[in-house]
Protein backbone atom coordinates (compact mmCIF):
# COMPACT_ATOMS: atom_id res chain seq x y z
CA MET A 1 161.41 -240.38 22.18
CA SER A 2 165.08 -239.38 22.25
CA PRO A 3 164.44 -235.67 23.03
CA LEU A 4 162.15 -236.65 25.90
CA ILE A 5 164.68 -239.06 27.39
CA GLY A 6 167.41 -236.42 26.98
CA ALA A 7 165.28 -233.82 28.73
CA ILE A 8 164.61 -236.15 31.66
CA PHE A 9 168.25 -237.28 31.99
CA LEU A 10 169.73 -233.80 31.61
CA HIS A 11 167.22 -231.83 33.66
CA LYS A 12 169.66 -231.67 36.59
CA VAL A 13 172.33 -230.25 34.31
CA ASP A 14 169.85 -227.62 33.12
CA THR A 15 168.91 -226.57 36.64
CA GLU A 16 172.52 -226.49 37.88
CA MET A 17 173.65 -224.33 34.96
CA GLU A 18 170.74 -221.98 35.61
CA ARG A 19 171.77 -221.79 39.27
CA LEU A 20 175.33 -220.86 38.25
CA GLY A 21 173.95 -217.95 36.23
CA LEU A 22 175.93 -218.66 33.06
CA PHE A 23 174.82 -218.52 29.46
CA TYR A 24 173.76 -222.09 28.86
CA ILE A 25 171.87 -223.70 26.02
CA ARG A 26 171.19 -227.33 25.28
CA PHE A 27 169.72 -228.96 22.20
CA MET A 28 169.12 -232.66 22.88
CA ASP A 29 172.55 -233.79 24.11
CA ASP A 30 174.56 -230.86 22.69
CA VAL A 31 175.49 -228.35 25.38
CA LEU A 32 176.96 -224.85 25.11
CA VAL A 33 178.16 -222.90 28.16
CA LEU A 34 179.60 -219.40 27.91
CA ALA A 35 181.19 -217.80 30.97
CA PRO A 36 182.74 -214.38 31.57
CA THR A 37 185.83 -215.80 33.31
CA ARG A 38 187.97 -218.91 33.15
CA TRP A 39 187.15 -219.68 36.79
CA ARG A 40 183.39 -219.63 36.26
CA LEU A 41 183.80 -221.81 33.17
CA ARG A 42 185.88 -224.31 35.12
CA ALA A 43 183.18 -224.44 37.81
CA ALA A 44 180.59 -225.13 35.11
CA VAL A 45 182.72 -227.89 33.54
CA LYS A 46 183.27 -229.46 36.95
CA THR A 47 179.50 -229.40 37.59
CA VAL A 48 178.68 -230.89 34.17
CA ASN A 49 181.30 -233.63 34.62
CA ARG A 50 179.97 -234.49 38.08
CA LEU A 51 176.35 -234.66 36.93
CA LEU A 52 177.14 -236.65 33.78
CA GLY A 53 179.29 -239.02 35.83
CA ALA A 54 176.40 -239.59 38.24
CA LEU A 55 174.26 -240.56 35.23
CA ASP A 56 177.04 -242.80 33.89
CA LEU A 57 177.30 -240.60 30.77
CA GLU A 58 180.46 -239.32 29.08
CA LYS A 59 181.33 -236.30 26.96
CA HIS A 60 182.52 -237.07 23.44
CA PRO A 61 186.20 -236.06 23.36
CA ASP A 62 186.07 -234.79 19.75
CA LYS A 63 183.05 -232.62 20.51
CA THR A 64 184.39 -230.99 23.67
CA PHE A 65 185.97 -227.55 23.39
CA MET A 66 187.11 -225.06 25.98
CA GLY A 67 188.60 -221.78 24.89
CA ARG A 68 188.16 -218.14 24.13
CA ILE A 69 185.23 -217.05 21.99
CA GLU A 70 187.67 -215.09 19.82
CA ARG A 71 189.01 -218.42 18.54
CA GLY A 72 185.51 -219.37 17.45
CA PHE A 73 183.68 -222.61 18.08
CA ASP A 74 181.34 -225.06 16.35
CA PHE A 75 177.85 -225.77 17.66
CA LEU A 76 175.00 -227.55 15.87
CA GLY A 77 176.64 -227.37 12.45
CA TYR A 78 177.59 -223.70 12.61
CA HIS A 79 180.86 -221.93 13.36
CA PHE A 80 180.46 -219.03 15.78
CA THR A 81 182.82 -216.09 16.30
CA ARG A 82 182.20 -212.67 17.81
CA ALA A 83 182.00 -211.22 14.30
CA ARG A 84 179.99 -213.76 12.34
CA LEU A 85 178.08 -216.99 11.92
CA SER A 86 179.11 -219.43 9.21
CA LEU A 87 178.80 -223.10 8.36
CA ALA A 88 181.21 -225.32 10.27
CA THR A 89 183.88 -226.96 8.13
CA LYS A 90 182.68 -230.38 9.32
CA THR A 91 179.15 -229.55 8.12
CA ILE A 92 180.43 -228.88 4.61
CA GLN A 93 182.61 -232.01 4.68
CA ASN A 94 179.63 -234.13 5.76
CA PHE A 95 177.53 -232.69 2.93
CA ILE A 96 180.19 -233.49 0.33
CA GLU A 97 180.65 -237.03 1.67
CA LYS A 98 176.91 -237.80 1.67
CA ALA A 99 176.36 -236.24 -1.76
CA SER A 100 179.28 -238.30 -3.12
CA ARG A 101 177.83 -241.51 -1.65
CA LEU A 102 174.41 -240.78 -3.15
CA TYR A 103 176.01 -240.03 -6.52
CA GLU A 104 177.98 -243.29 -6.48
CA GLN A 105 174.94 -245.33 -5.43
CA GLU A 106 172.76 -243.84 -8.13
CA SER A 107 175.49 -244.14 -10.80
CA ARG A 108 175.86 -247.86 -10.05
CA ALA A 109 172.10 -248.39 -10.09
CA GLY A 110 171.81 -246.56 -13.42
CA PHE A 111 168.85 -244.31 -12.62
CA ALA A 112 168.23 -240.58 -12.39
CA SER A 113 169.69 -238.76 -9.41
CA THR A 114 166.41 -238.06 -7.60
CA ALA A 115 167.67 -238.77 -4.06
CA LEU A 116 170.86 -236.79 -4.69
CA GLU A 117 168.93 -233.94 -6.26
CA MET A 118 166.47 -233.77 -3.37
CA TYR A 119 169.30 -233.92 -0.80
CA VAL A 120 171.24 -231.11 -2.48
CA LYS A 121 168.14 -228.92 -2.89
CA ARG A 122 167.14 -229.29 0.78
CA TRP A 123 170.68 -228.73 2.01
CA VAL A 124 171.26 -225.66 -0.17
CA ARG A 125 167.89 -224.21 0.91
CA TRP A 126 168.95 -224.65 4.54
CA THR A 127 172.40 -223.13 4.01
CA MET A 128 171.20 -220.24 1.89
CA SER A 129 168.78 -218.99 4.51
CA ASP A 130 169.25 -215.60 6.15
CA ARG A 131 171.19 -217.15 9.03
CA LEU A 132 174.44 -216.90 7.12
CA ASN A 133 176.41 -213.94 5.82
CA ARG A 134 176.42 -213.43 2.08
CA SER A 135 180.20 -213.99 1.96
CA ASP A 136 179.75 -217.38 3.62
CA ARG A 137 177.27 -218.42 0.93
CA VAL A 138 179.68 -217.45 -1.82
CA GLY A 139 182.55 -219.22 -0.02
CA PHE A 140 180.48 -222.39 0.32
CA MET A 141 179.53 -222.42 -3.35
CA ALA A 142 183.19 -221.93 -4.33
CA SER A 143 184.32 -224.80 -2.07
CA CYS A 144 181.83 -227.17 -3.70
CA ALA A 145 182.82 -226.23 -7.25
């Protein structure tokens, strides 16, 4: 239900960004806008703020970033730069925190680590897909060791 509600609420944002002719992508309530100039980006931000304000919605301050692509940015769990795609630091931190919680819960309960094992297997399968550079995979494995 949430994706449907998001699509209905944010349809105006979608159409306005299309009208501005900028690179725009939205997944649920996560929005990415890329613009060739600072001025066009500011116009897009102003439009998004106006439309969200009309819907009585706010941007999350910790998830809002404006800057040059060269600095890189996080979107949907990945870190993007002109040169490469890698896992976002926060994605790895979240994995470690959840795996630690599952380990502690299962240690206290005194049974085999089936939930932890399944979580790690699924997560590693996702991270080891072809989306990421080989060096990122090695770096991730080293950070978890």
